[in-house]
Amino acid sequence: MDVEPNRLSDADLRRFVLDRLAEDADRLAREELPLLDEAERRGRLAVLRSDDGRELLLVPGEARTTDERVPVPFQEKARWLREEVEAEPDRSLLLLLASAYEEHHGWQEEWRT
């Protein structure tokens, strides 16, 4: 059997990420900084526009570019991330997103990247 006995499923991880994105939308509505934006500020991950500006990219760590980087607005990146997560992403994408929320009580140590 390929599944580790105590390993949470990708469906659990996906639900965790989607729930945190919804909580971040609520934070933004209350004029609080979303945790995803805070994770970007701390250099844990970055959501960038592609060179042609038509797509978004999720990258681990702090983004280093030669040009001044304009932050992607939270609502735009959250919408894109939800679509990516709901479209059956690979576990590495889910783990990277979950890392933005590792201070949440529902975060699991096994998700550490």
PDB file of N, CA and C in Angstrom:
ATOM      1  N   MET A   1       0.851  -1.172   0.000  1.00  0.00           N
ATOM      2  CA  MET A   1       0.000   0.000   0.000  1.00  0.00           C
ATOM      3  C   MET A   1       0.894   1.232   0.000  1.00  0.00           C
ATOM      4  N   ASP A   2       0.605   2.229  -0.845  1.00  0.00           N
ATOM      5  CA  ASP A   2       1.437   3.418  -1.003  1.00  0.00           C
ATOM      6  C   ASP A   2       1.175   4.494   0.046  1.00  0.00           C
ATOM      7  N   VAL A   3       0.082   4.446   0.739  1.00  0.00           N
ATOM      8  CA  VAL A   3      -0.286   5.495   1.681  1.00  0.00           C
ATOM      9  C   VAL A   3       0.287   5.177   3.051  1.00  0.00           C
ATOM     10  N   GLU A   4       0.925   6.180   3.639  1.00  0.00           N
ATOM     11  CA  GLU A   4       1.432   6.008   4.998  1.00  0.00           C
ATOM     12  C   GLU A   4       0.238   5.941   5.944  1.00  0.00           C
ATOM     13  N   PRO A   5       0.271   5.117   6.996  1.00  0.00           N
ATOM     14  CA  PRO A   5      -0.901   4.893   7.838  1.00  0.00           C
ATOM     15  C   PRO A   5      -1.481   6.153   8.479  1.00  0.00           C
ATOM     16  N   ASN A   6      -0.661   7.089   8.932  1.00  0.00           N
ATOM     17  CA  ASN A   6      -1.179   8.277   9.620  1.00  0.00           C
ATOM     18  C   ASN A   6      -1.131   9.535   8.763  1.00  0.00           C
ATOM     19  N   ARG A   7      -0.795   9.395   7.504  1.00  0.00           N
ATOM     20  CA  ARG A   7      -0.679  10.535   6.616  1.00  0.00           C
ATOM     21  C   ARG A   7      -2.064  11.044   6.228  1.00  0.00           C
ATOM     22  N   LEU A   8      -2.252  12.348   6.383  1.00  0.00           N
ATOM     23  CA  LEU A   8      -3.509  12.939   5.952  1.00  0.00           C
ATOM     24  C   LEU A   8      -3.561  12.935   4.433  1.00  0.00           C
ATOM     25  N   SER A   9      -4.722  12.754   3.902  1.00  0.00           N
ATOM     26  CA  SER A   9      -4.878  12.655   2.453  1.00  0.00           C
ATOM     27  C   SER A   9      -4.709  14.019   1.785  1.00  0.00           C
ATOM     28  N   ASP A  10      -4.517  13.976   0.478  1.00  0.00           N
ATOM     29  CA  ASP A  10      -4.461  15.215  -0.290  1.00  0.00           C
ATOM     30  C   ASP A  10      -5.791  15.958  -0.199  1.00  0.00           C
ATOM     31  N   ALA A  11      -6.885  15.220  -0.066  1.00  0.00           N
ATOM     32  CA  ALA A  11      -8.196  15.862   0.084  1.00  0.00           C
ATOM     33  C   ALA A  11      -8.247  16.671   1.384  1.00  0.00           C
ATOM     34  N   ASP A  12      -7.662  16.141   2.468  1.00  0.00           N
ATOM     35  CA  ASP A  12      -7.597  16.884   3.734  1.00  0.00           C
ATOM     36  C   ASP A  12      -6.747  18.135   3.581  1.00  0.00           C
ATOM     37  N   LEU A  13      -5.637  17.989   2.922  1.00  0.00           N
ATOM     38  CA  LEU A  13      -4.736  19.118   2.695  1.00  0.00           C
ATOM     39  C   LEU A  13      -5.411  20.168   1.815  1.00  0.00           C
ATOM     40  N   ARG A  14      -6.092  19.725   0.773  1.00  0.00           N
ATOM     41  CA  ARG A  14      -6.822  20.639  -0.123  1.00  0.00           C
ATOM     42  C   ARG A  14      -7.891  21.401   0.658  1.00  0.00           C
ATOM     43  N   ARG A  15      -8.645  20.702   1.502  1.00  0.00           N
ATOM     44  CA  ARG A  15      -9.694  21.351   2.308  1.00  0.00           C
ATOM     45  C   ARG A  15      -9.081  22.389   3.243  1.00  0.00           C
ATOM     46  N   PHE A  16      -7.949  22.054   3.864  1.00  0.00           N
ATOM     47  CA  PHE A  16      -7.257  22.989   4.746  1.00  0.00           C
ATOM     48  C   PHE A  16      -6.895  24.266   3.993  1.00  0.00           C
ATOM     49  N   VAL A  17      -6.305  24.128   2.818  1.00  0.00           N
ATOM     50  CA  VAL A  17      -5.884  25.295   2.040  1.00  0.00           C
ATOM     51  C   VAL A  17      -7.091  26.124   1.610  1.00  0.00           C
ATOM     52  N   LEU A  18      -8.127  25.473   1.115  1.00  0.00           N
ATOM     53  CA  LEU A  18      -9.323  26.218   0.681  1.00  0.00           C
ATOM     54  C   LEU A  18      -9.978  26.955   1.850  1.00  0.00           C
ATOM     55  N   ASP A  19     -10.032  26.313   3.007  1.00  0.00           N
ATOM     56  CA  ASP A  19     -10.604  26.968   4.191  1.00  0.00           C
ATOM     57  C   ASP A  19      -9.775  28.172   4.611  1.00  0.00           C
ATOM     58  N   ARG A  20      -8.446  28.057   4.524  1.00  0.00           N
ATOM     59  CA  ARG A  20      -7.583  29.189   4.914  1.00  0.00           C
ATOM     60  C   ARG A  20      -7.728  30.347   3.926  1.00  0.00           C
ATOM     61  N   LEU A  21      -7.871  30.039   2.647  1.00  0.00           N
ATOM     62  CA  LEU A  21      -8.089  31.101   1.665  1.00  0.00           C
ATOM     63  C   LEU A  21      -9.403  31.831   1.942  1.00  0.00           C
ATOM     64  N   ALA A  22     -10.432  31.087   2.347  1.00  0.00           N
ATOM     65  CA  ALA A  22     -11.716  31.708   2.699  1.00  0.00           C
ATOM     66  C   ALA A  22     -11.557  32.584   3.940  1.00  0.00           C
ATOM     67  N   GLU A  23     -10.813  32.109   4.920  1.00  0.00           N
ATOM     68  CA  GLU A  23     -10.564  32.926   6.116  1.00  0.00           C
ATOM     69  C   GLU A  23      -9.780  34.185   5.767  1.00  0.00           C
ATOM     70  N   ASP A  24      -8.830  34.061   4.841  1.00  0.00           N
ATOM     71  CA  ASP A  24      -8.076  35.236   4.413  1.00  0.00           C
ATOM     72  C   ASP A  24      -8.979  36.254   3.731  1.00  0.00           C
ATOM     73  N   ALA A  25      -9.943  35.782   2.954  1.00  0.00           N
ATOM     74  CA  ALA A  25     -10.893  36.706   2.315  1.00  0.00           C
ATOM     75  C   ALA A  25     -11.688  37.445   3.390  1.00  0.00           C
ATOM     76  N   ASP A  26     -12.059  36.746   4.449  1.00  0.00           N
ATOM     77  CA  ASP A  26     -12.756  37.387   5.568  1.00  0.00           C
ATOM     78  C   ASP A  26     -11.852  38.414   6.255  1.00  0.00           C
ATOM     79  N   ARG A  27     -10.576  38.082   6.417  1.00  0.00           N
ATOM     80  CA  ARG A  27      -9.626  39.028   7.019  1.00  0.00           C
ATOM     81  C   ARG A  27      -9.553  40.307   6.185  1.00  0.00           C
ATOM     82  N   LEU A  28      -9.450  40.130   4.880  1.00  0.00           N
ATOM     83  CA  LEU A  28      -9.371  41.286   3.990  1.00  0.00           C
ATOM     84  C   LEU A  28     -10.633  42.141   4.103  1.00  0.00           C
ATOM     85  N   ALA A  29     -11.779  41.496   4.191  1.00  0.00           N
ATOM     86  CA  ALA A  29     -13.045  42.227   4.335  1.00  0.00           C
ATOM     87  C   ALA A  29     -13.080  43.035   5.631  1.00  0.00           C
ATOM     88  N   ARG A  30     -12.371  42.552   6.658  1.00  0.00           N
ATOM     89  CA  ARG A  30     -12.274  43.284   7.934  1.00  0.00           C
ATOM     90  C   ARG A  30     -11.092  44.254   7.944  1.00  0.00           C
ATOM     91  N   GLU A  31     -10.496  44.422   6.757  1.00  0.00           N
ATOM     92  CA  GLU A  31      -9.342  45.311   6.583  1.00  0.00           C
ATOM     93  C   GLU A  31      -8.131  44.853   7.383  1.00  0.00           C
ATOM     94  N   GLU A  32      -7.974  43.520   7.507  1.00  0.00           N
ATOM     95  CA  GLU A  32      -6.805  42.923   8.130  1.00  0.00           C
ATOM     96  C   GLU A  32      -5.954  42.293   7.032  1.00  0.00           C
ATOM     97  N   LEU A  33      -4.678  42.153   7.288  1.00  0.00           N
ATOM     98  CA  LEU A  33      -3.767  41.551   6.327  1.00  0.00           C
ATOM     99  C   LEU A  33      -4.017  40.042   6.234  1.00  0.00           C
ATOM    100  N   PRO A  34      -4.291  39.526   5.036  1.00  0.00           N
ATOM    101  CA  PRO A  34      -4.439  38.076   4.875  1.00  0.00           C
ATOM    102  C   PRO A  34      -3.127  37.363   5.217  1.00  0.00           C
ATOM    103  N   LEU A  35      -3.225  36.181   5.784  1.00  0.00           N
ATOM    104  CA  LEU A  35      -2.031  35.416   6.143  1.00  0.00           C
ATOM    105  C   LEU A  35      -1.199  35.046   4.922  1.00  0.00           C
ATOM    106  N   LEU A  36      -1.841  34.858   3.786  1.00  0.00           N
ATOM    107  CA  LEU A  36      -1.119  34.572   2.552  1.00  0.00           C
ATOM    108  C   LEU A  36      -0.207  35.748   2.192  1.00  0.00           C
ATOM    109  N   ASP A  37      -0.728  36.960   2.307  1.00  0.00           N
ATOM    110  CA  ASP A  37       0.089  38.152   2.034  1.00  0.00           C
ATOM    111  C   ASP A  37       1.226  38.263   3.040  1.00  0.00           C
ATOM    112  N   GLU A  38       0.947  37.928   4.294  1.00  0.00           N
ATOM    113  CA  GLU A  38       1.986  37.948   5.323  1.00  0.00           C
ATOM    114  C   GLU A  38       3.085  36.934   4.998  1.00  0.00           C
ATOM    115  N   ALA A  39       2.702  35.762   4.530  1.00  0.00           N
ATOM    116  CA  ALA A  39       3.688  34.744   4.149  1.00  0.00           C
ATOM    117  C   ALA A  39       4.554  35.230   2.990  1.00  0.00           C
ATOM    118  N   GLU A  40       3.963  35.968   2.065  1.00  0.00           N
ATOM    119  CA  GLU A  40       4.749  36.535   0.970  1.00  0.00           C
ATOM    120  C   GLU A  40       5.731  37.571   1.503  1.00  0.00           C
ATOM    121  N   ARG A  41       5.283  38.406   2.396  1.00  0.00           N
ATOM    122  CA  ARG A  41       6.163  39.424   2.976  1.00  0.00           C
ATOM    123  C   ARG A  41       7.334  38.803   3.723  1.00  0.00           C
ATOM    124  N   ARG A  42       7.097  37.653   4.346  1.00  0.00           N
ATOM    125  CA  ARG A  42       8.163  36.961   5.080  1.00  0.00           C
ATOM    126  C   ARG A  42       9.061  36.141   4.163  1.00  0.00           C
ATOM    127  N   GLY A  43       8.745  36.084   2.871  1.00  0.00           N
ATOM    128  CA  GLY A  43       9.578  35.362   1.922  1.00  0.00           C
ATOM    129  C   GLY A  43       9.366  33.868   1.884  1.00  0.00           C
ATOM    130  N   ARG A  44       8.240  33.400   2.395  1.00  0.00           N
ATOM    131  CA  ARG A  44       7.948  31.962   2.395  1.00  0.00           C
ATOM    132  C   ARG A  44       7.550  31.485   1.002  1.00  0.00           C
ATOM    133  N   LEU A  45       6.828  32.298   0.271  1.00  0.00           N
ATOM    134  CA  LEU A  45       6.386  31.986  -1.084  1.00  0.00           C
ATOM    135  C   LEU A  45       6.084  33.290  -1.788  1.00  0.00           C
ATOM    136  N   ALA A  46       5.843  33.208  -3.101  1.00  0.00           N
ATOM    137  CA  ALA A  46       5.489  34.406  -3.864  1.00  0.00           C
ATOM    138  C   ALA A  46       4.523  34.032  -4.977  1.00  0.00           C
ATOM    139  N   VAL A  47       3.568  34.917  -5.227  1.00  0.00           N
ATOM    140  CA  VAL A  47       2.672  34.791  -6.363  1.00  0.00           C
ATOM    141  C   VAL A  47       3.059  35.920  -7.307  1.00  0.00           C
ATOM    142  N   LEU A  48       3.488  35.549  -8.515  1.00  0.00           N
ATOM    143  CA  LEU A  48       4.007  36.500  -9.493  1.00  0.00           C
ATOM    144  C   LEU A  48       3.210  36.439 -10.783  1.00  0.00           C
ATOM    145  N   ARG A  49       3.298  37.499 -11.535  1.00  0.00           N
ATOM    146  CA  ARG A  49       2.748  37.484 -12.888  1.00  0.00           C
ATOM    147  C   ARG A  49       3.799  36.898 -13.823  1.00  0.00           C
ATOM    148  N   SER A  50       3.329  36.172 -14.815  1.00  0.00           N
ATOM    149  CA  SER A  50       4.249  35.649 -15.830  1.00  0.00           C
ATOM    150  C   SER A  50       4.825  36.836 -16.606  1.00  0.00           C
ATOM    151  N   ASP A  51       5.869  36.595 -17.373  1.00  0.00           N
ATOM    152  CA  ASP A  51       6.514  37.675 -18.126  1.00  0.00           C
ATOM    153  C   ASP A  51       5.542  38.403 -19.050  1.00  0.00           C
ATOM    154  N   ASP A  52       4.610  37.652 -19.633  1.00  0.00           N
ATOM    155  CA  ASP A  52       3.648  38.286 -20.534  1.00  0.00           C
ATOM    156  C   ASP A  52       2.439  38.866 -19.789  1.00  0.00           C
ATOM    157  N   GLY A  53       2.381  38.643 -18.466  1.00  0.00           N
ATOM    158  CA  GLY A  53       1.310  39.213 -17.652  1.00  0.00           C
ATOM    159  C   GLY A  53      -0.021  38.503 -17.731  1.00  0.00           C
ATOM    160  N   ARG A  54      -0.093  37.392 -18.469  1.00  0.00           N
ATOM    161  CA  ARG A  54      -1.371  36.715 -18.652  1.00  0.00           C
ATOM    162  C   ARG A  54      -1.648  35.627 -17.629  1.00  0.00           C
ATOM    163  N   GLU A  55      -0.613  35.161 -16.936  1.00  0.00           N
ATOM    164  CA  GLU A  55      -0.789  34.078 -15.970  1.00  0.00           C
ATOM    165  C   GLU A  55      -0.147  34.460 -14.650  1.00  0.00           C
ATOM    166  N   LEU A  56      -0.528  33.719 -13.619  1.00  0.00           N
ATOM    167  CA  LEU A  56       0.126  33.865 -12.325  1.00  0.00           C
ATOM    168  C   LEU A  56       0.957  32.628 -12.063  1.00  0.00           C
ATOM    169  N   LEU A  57       2.014  32.807 -11.296  1.00  0.00           N
ATOM    170  CA  LEU A  57       2.909  31.711 -10.952  1.00  0.00           C
ATOM    171  C   LEU A  57       3.094  31.687  -9.450  1.00  0.00           C
ATOM    172  N   LEU A  58       3.123  30.511  -8.871  1.00  0.00           N
ATOM    173  CA  LEU A  58       3.407  30.339  -7.449  1.00  0.00           C
ATOM    174  C   LEU A  58       4.807  29.768  -7.337  1.00  0.00           C
ATOM    175  N   VAL A  59       5.663  30.479  -6.589  1.00  0.00           N
ATOM    176  CA  VAL A  59       7.044  30.031  -6.432  1.00  0.00           C
ATOM    177  C   VAL A  59       7.406  29.992  -4.956  1.00  0.00           C
ATOM    178  N   PRO A  60       8.249  29.035  -4.573  1.00  0.00           N
ATOM    179  CA  PRO A  60       8.691  28.985  -3.173  1.00  0.00           C
ATOM    180  C   PRO A  60       9.705  30.091  -2.906  1.00  0.00           C
ATOM    181  N   GLY A  61       9.748  30.552  -1.685  1.00  0.00           N
ATOM    182  CA  GLY A  61      10.728  31.553  -1.280  1.00  0.00           C
ATOM    183  C   GLY A  61      10.387  32.947  -1.775  1.00  0.00           C
ATOM    184  N   GLU A  62      11.296  33.834  -1.500  1.00  0.00           N
ATOM    185  CA  GLU A  62      11.106  35.229  -1.889  1.00  0.00           C
ATOM    186  C   GLU A  62      11.418  35.385  -3.370  1.00  0.00           C
ATOM    187  N   ALA A  63      10.580  36.122  -4.063  1.00  0.00           N
ATOM    188  CA  ALA A  63      10.785  36.349  -5.491  1.00  0.00           C
ATOM    189  C   ALA A  63      11.858  37.408  -5.692  1.00  0.00           C
ATOM    190  N   ARG A  64      12.800  37.082  -6.525  1.00  0.00           N
ATOM    191  CA  ARG A  64      13.851  38.050  -6.858  1.00  0.00           C
ATOM    192  C   ARG A  64      13.774  38.297  -8.358  1.00  0.00           C
ATOM    193  N   THR A  65      13.502  39.531  -8.712  1.00  0.00           N
ATOM    194  CA  THR A  65      13.421  39.896 -10.115  1.00  0.00           C
ATOM    195  C   THR A  65      14.278  41.121 -10.357  1.00  0.00           C
ATOM    196  N   THR A  66      14.640  41.339 -11.613  1.00  0.00           N
ATOM    197  CA  THR A  66      15.436  42.518 -11.936  1.00  0.00           C
ATOM    198  C   THR A  66      14.556  43.757 -11.993  1.00  0.00           C
ATOM    199  N   ASP A  67      13.295  43.582 -12.316  1.00  0.00           N
ATOM    200  CA  ASP A  67      12.355  44.701 -12.361  1.00  0.00           C
ATOM    201  C   ASP A  67      11.664  44.855 -11.021  1.00  0.00           C
ATOM    202  N   GLU A  68      11.132  46.034 -10.771  1.00  0.00           N
ATOM    203  CA  GLU A  68      10.331  46.258  -9.559  1.00  0.00           C
ATOM    204  C   GLU A  68       9.066  45.412  -9.684  1.00  0.00           C
ATOM    205  N   ARG A  69       8.813  44.598  -8.703  1.00  0.00           N
ATOM    206  CA  ARG A  69       7.672  43.687  -8.738  1.00  0.00           C
ATOM    207  C   ARG A  69       6.447  44.366  -8.144  1.00  0.00           C
ATOM    208  N   VAL A  70       5.366  44.374  -8.902  1.00  0.00           N
ATOM    209  CA  VAL A  70       4.095  44.905  -8.422  1.00  0.00           C
ATOM    210  C   VAL A  70       3.327  43.742  -7.810  1.00  0.00           C
ATOM    211  N   PRO A  71       2.950  43.844  -6.534  1.00  0.00           N
ATOM    212  CA  PRO A  71       2.231  42.738  -5.897  1.00  0.00           C
ATOM    213  C   PRO A  71       0.902  42.437  -6.602  1.00  0.00           C
ATOM    214  N   VAL A  72       0.580  41.166  -6.668  1.00  0.00           N
ATOM    215  CA  VAL A  72      -0.710  40.738  -7.218  1.00  0.00           C
ATOM    216  C   VAL A  72      -1.744  40.979  -6.127  1.00  0.00           C
ATOM    217  N   PRO A  73      -2.839  41.677  -6.432  1.00  0.00           N
ATOM    218  CA  PRO A  73      -3.871  41.907  -5.416  1.00  0.00           C
ATOM    219  C   PRO A  73      -4.400  40.595  -4.847  1.00  0.00           C
ATOM    220  N   PHE A  74      -4.694  40.600  -3.540  1.00  0.00           N
ATOM    221  CA  PHE A  74      -5.114  39.372  -2.870  1.00  0.00           C
ATOM    222  C   PHE A  74      -6.286  38.707  -3.573  1.00  0.00           C
ATOM    223  N   GLN A  75      -7.315  39.453  -3.927  1.00  0.00           N
ATOM    224  CA  GLN A  75      -8.507  38.837  -4.510  1.00  0.00           C
ATOM    225  C   GLN A  75      -8.186  38.106  -5.811  1.00  0.00           C
ATOM    226  N   GLU A  76      -7.301  38.675  -6.607  1.00  0.00           N
ATOM    227  CA  GLU A  76      -6.923  38.035  -7.869  1.00  0.00           C
ATOM    228  C   GLU A  76      -6.133  36.752  -7.618  1.00  0.00           C
ATOM    229  N   LYS A  77      -5.133  36.818  -6.716  1.00  0.00           N
ATOM    230  CA  LYS A  77      -4.331  35.612  -6.476  1.00  0.00           C
ATOM    231  C   LYS A  77      -5.142  34.550  -5.746  1.00  0.00           C
ATOM    232  N   ALA A  78      -6.027  34.938  -4.838  1.00  0.00           N
ATOM    233  CA  ALA A  78      -6.860  33.956  -4.140  1.00  0.00           C
ATOM    234  C   ALA A  78      -7.788  33.230  -5.115  1.00  0.00           C
ATOM    235  N   ARG A  79      -8.371  33.965  -6.043  1.00  0.00           N
ATOM    236  CA  ARG A  79      -9.255  33.346  -7.044  1.00  0.00           C
ATOM    237  C   ARG A  79      -8.458  32.335  -7.879  1.00  0.00           C
ATOM    238  N   TRP A  80      -7.274  32.725  -8.316  1.00  0.00           N
ATOM    239  CA  TRP A  80      -6.428  31.840  -9.114  1.00  0.00           C
ATOM    240  C   TRP A  80      -5.985  30.616  -8.309  1.00  0.00           C
ATOM    241  N   LEU A  81      -5.578  30.837  -7.063  1.00  0.00           N
ATOM    242  CA  LEU A  81      -5.137  29.723  -6.223  1.00  0.00           C
ATOM    243  C   LEU A  81      -6.267  28.742  -5.945  1.00  0.00           C
ATOM    244  N   ARG A  82      -7.471  29.264  -5.682  1.00  0.00           N
ATOM    245  CA  ARG A  82      -8.625  28.369  -5.472  1.00  0.00           C
ATOM    246  C   ARG A  82      -8.850  27.497  -6.708  1.00  0.00           C
ATOM    247  N   GLU A  83      -8.783  28.104  -7.882  1.00  0.00           N
ATOM    248  CA  GLU A  83      -8.968  27.336  -9.116  1.00  0.00           C
ATOM    249  C   GLU A  83      -7.896  26.256  -9.251  1.00  0.00           C
ATOM    250  N   GLU A  84      -6.658  26.606  -8.942  1.00  0.00           N
ATOM    251  CA  GLU A  84      -5.571  25.632  -9.024  1.00  0.00           C
ATOM    252  C   GLU A  84      -5.772  24.493  -8.025  1.00  0.00           C
ATOM    253  N   VAL A  85      -6.156  24.823  -6.814  1.00  0.00           N
ATOM    254  CA  VAL A  85      -6.351  23.820  -5.761  1.00  0.00           C
ATOM    255  C   VAL A  85      -7.534  22.917  -6.085  1.00  0.00           C
ATOM    256  N   GLU A  86      -8.594  23.480  -6.609  1.00  0.00           N
ATOM    257  CA  GLU A  86      -9.778  22.684  -6.932  1.00  0.00           C
ATOM    258  C   GLU A  86      -9.577  21.815  -8.175  1.00  0.00           C
ATOM    259  N   ALA A  87      -8.590  22.130  -8.993  1.00  0.00           N
ATOM    260  CA  ALA A  87      -8.349  21.391 -10.238  1.00  0.00           C
ATOM    261  C   ALA A  87      -7.417  20.200 -10.029  1.00  0.00           C
ATOM    262  N   GLU A  88      -7.446  19.611  -8.815  1.00  0.00           N
ATOM    263  CA  GLU A  88      -6.630  18.437  -8.514  1.00  0.00           C
ATOM    264  C   GLU A  88      -5.133  18.730  -8.663  1.00  0.00           C
ATOM    265  N   PRO A  89      -4.608  19.633  -7.863  1.00  0.00           N
ATOM    266  CA  PRO A  89      -3.182  19.954  -7.958  1.00  0.00           C
ATOM    267  C   PRO A  89      -2.311  18.840  -7.383  1.00  0.00           C
ATOM    268  N   ASP A  90      -1.036  18.949  -7.639  1.00  0.00           N
ATOM    269  CA  ASP A  90      -0.138  17.967  -7.038  1.00  0.00           C
ATOM    270  C   ASP A  90       0.118  18.346  -5.578  1.00  0.00           C
ATOM    271  N   ARG A  91       0.605  17.395  -4.828  1.00  0.00           N
ATOM    272  CA  ARG A  91       0.809  17.588  -3.391  1.00  0.00           C
ATOM    273  C   ARG A  91       1.817  18.707  -3.107  1.00  0.00           C
ATOM    274  N   SER A  92       2.819  18.876  -3.960  1.00  0.00           N
ATOM    275  CA  SER A  92       3.826  19.911  -3.710  1.00  0.00           C
ATOM    276  C   SER A  92       3.206  21.304  -3.739  1.00  0.00           C
ATOM    277  N   LEU A  93       2.248  21.547  -4.617  1.00  0.00           N
ATOM    278  CA  LEU A  93       1.547  22.837  -4.641  1.00  0.00           C
ATOM    279  C   LEU A  93       0.751  23.026  -3.357  1.00  0.00           C
ATOM    280  N   LEU A  94       0.049  21.984  -2.948  1.00  0.00           N
ATOM    281  CA  LEU A  94      -0.739  22.065  -1.718  1.00  0.00           C
ATOM    282  C   LEU A  94       0.152  22.305  -0.503  1.00  0.00           C
ATOM    283  N   LEU A  95       1.294  21.625  -0.444  1.00  0.00           N
ATOM    284  CA  LEU A  95       2.213  21.797   0.681  1.00  0.00           C
ATOM    285  C   LEU A  95       2.780  23.200   0.732  1.00  0.00           C
ATOM    286  N   LEU A  96       3.111  23.749  -0.420  1.00  0.00           N
ATOM    287  CA  LEU A  96       3.642  25.111  -0.459  1.00  0.00           C
ATOM    288  C   LEU A  96       2.596  26.105   0.035  1.00  0.00           C
ATOM    289  N   LEU A  97       1.374  25.955  -0.414  1.00  0.00           N
ATOM    290  CA  LEU A  97       0.303  26.848   0.051  1.00  0.00           C
ATOM    291  C   LEU A  97       0.015  26.653   1.532  1.00  0.00           C
ATOM    292  N   ALA A  98      -0.012  25.416   1.983  1.00  0.00           N
ATOM    293  CA  ALA A  98      -0.272  25.151   3.399  1.00  0.00           C
ATOM    294  C   ALA A  98       0.790  25.791   4.279  1.00  0.00           C
ATOM    295  N   SER A  99       2.021  25.875   3.770  1.00  0.00           N
ATOM    296  CA  SER A  99       3.099  26.466   4.573  1.00  0.00           C
ATOM    297  C   SER A  99       2.830  27.925   4.927  1.00  0.00           C
ATOM    298  N   ALA A 100       2.003  28.594   4.148  1.00  0.00           N
ATOM    299  CA  ALA A 100       1.647  29.983   4.462  1.00  0.00           C
ATOM    300  C   ALA A 100       0.813  30.065   5.732  1.00  0.00           C
ATOM    301  N   TYR A 101       0.222  28.950   6.120  1.00  0.00           N
ATOM    302  CA  TYR A 101      -0.703  28.923   7.256  1.00  0.00           C
ATOM    303  C   TYR A 101      -0.212  28.033   8.392  1.00  0.00           C
ATOM    304  N   GLU A 102       1.101  27.838   8.495  1.00  0.00           N
ATOM    305  CA  GLU A 102       1.603  26.886   9.491  1.00  0.00           C
ATOM    306  C   GLU A 102       1.372  27.326  10.931  1.00  0.00           C
ATOM    307  N   GLU A 103       0.972  28.551  11.161  1.00  0.00           N
ATOM    308  CA  GLU A 103       0.657  28.982  12.522  1.00  0.00           C
ATOM    309  C   GLU A 103      -0.806  28.707  12.899  1.00  0.00           C
ATOM    310  N   HIS A 104      -1.593  28.246  11.955  1.00  0.00           N
ATOM    311  CA  HIS A 104      -2.994  27.912  12.204  1.00  0.00           C
ATOM    312  C   HIS A 104      -3.066  26.611  13.015  1.00  0.00           C
ATOM    313  N   HIS A 105      -4.033  26.519  13.917  1.00  0.00           N
ATOM    314  CA  HIS A 105      -4.135  25.332  14.783  1.00  0.00           C
ATOM    315  C   HIS A 105      -4.390  24.045  14.015  1.00  0.00           C
ATOM    316  N   GLY A 106      -4.925  24.126  12.816  1.00  0.00           N
ATOM    317  CA  GLY A 106      -5.205  22.924  12.033  1.00  0.00           C
ATOM    318  C   GLY A 106      -4.049  22.454  11.175  1.00  0.00           C
ATOM    319  N   TRP A 107      -2.967  23.223  11.164  1.00  0.00           N
ATOM    320  CA  TRP A 107      -1.803  22.867  10.351  1.00  0.00           C
ATOM    321  C   TRP A 107      -1.116  21.630  10.936  1.00  0.00           C
ATOM    322  N   GLN A 108      -0.631  20.750  10.077  1.00  0.00           N
ATOM    323  CA  GLN A 108      -0.013  19.508  10.509  1.00  0.00           C
ATOM    324  C   GLN A 108       1.495  19.549  10.262  1.00  0.00           C
ATOM    325  N   GLU A 109       2.259  19.106  11.212  1.00  0.00           N
ATOM    326  CA  GLU A 109       3.722  19.117  11.096  1.00  0.00           C
ATOM    327  C   GLU A 109       4.198  18.331   9.868  1.00  0.00           C
ATOM    328  N   GLU A 110       3.466  17.298   9.487  1.00  0.00           N
ATOM    329  CA  GLU A 110       3.872  16.498   8.322  1.00  0.00           C
ATOM    330  C   GLU A 110       3.817  17.291   7.023  1.00  0.00           C
ATOM    331  N   TRP A 111       3.169  18.458   7.033  1.00  0.00           N
ATOM    332  CA  TRP A 111       3.096  19.280   5.845  1.00  0.00           C
ATOM    333  C   TRP A 111       4.294  20.193   5.654  1.00  0.00           C
ATOM    334  N   ARG A 112       5.194  20.231   6.627  1.00  0.00           N
ATOM    335  CA  ARG A 112       6.359  21.123   6.540  1.00  0.00           C
ATOM    336  C   ARG A 112       7.142  20.791   5.273  1.00  0.00           C
ATOM    337  N   THR A 113       7.445  21.828   4.518  1.00  0.00           N
ATOM    338  CA  THR A 113       8.198  21.619   3.265  1.00  0.00           C
ATOM    339  C   THR A 113       9.655  21.954   3.461  1.00  0.00           C
TER     340      THR A 113
END
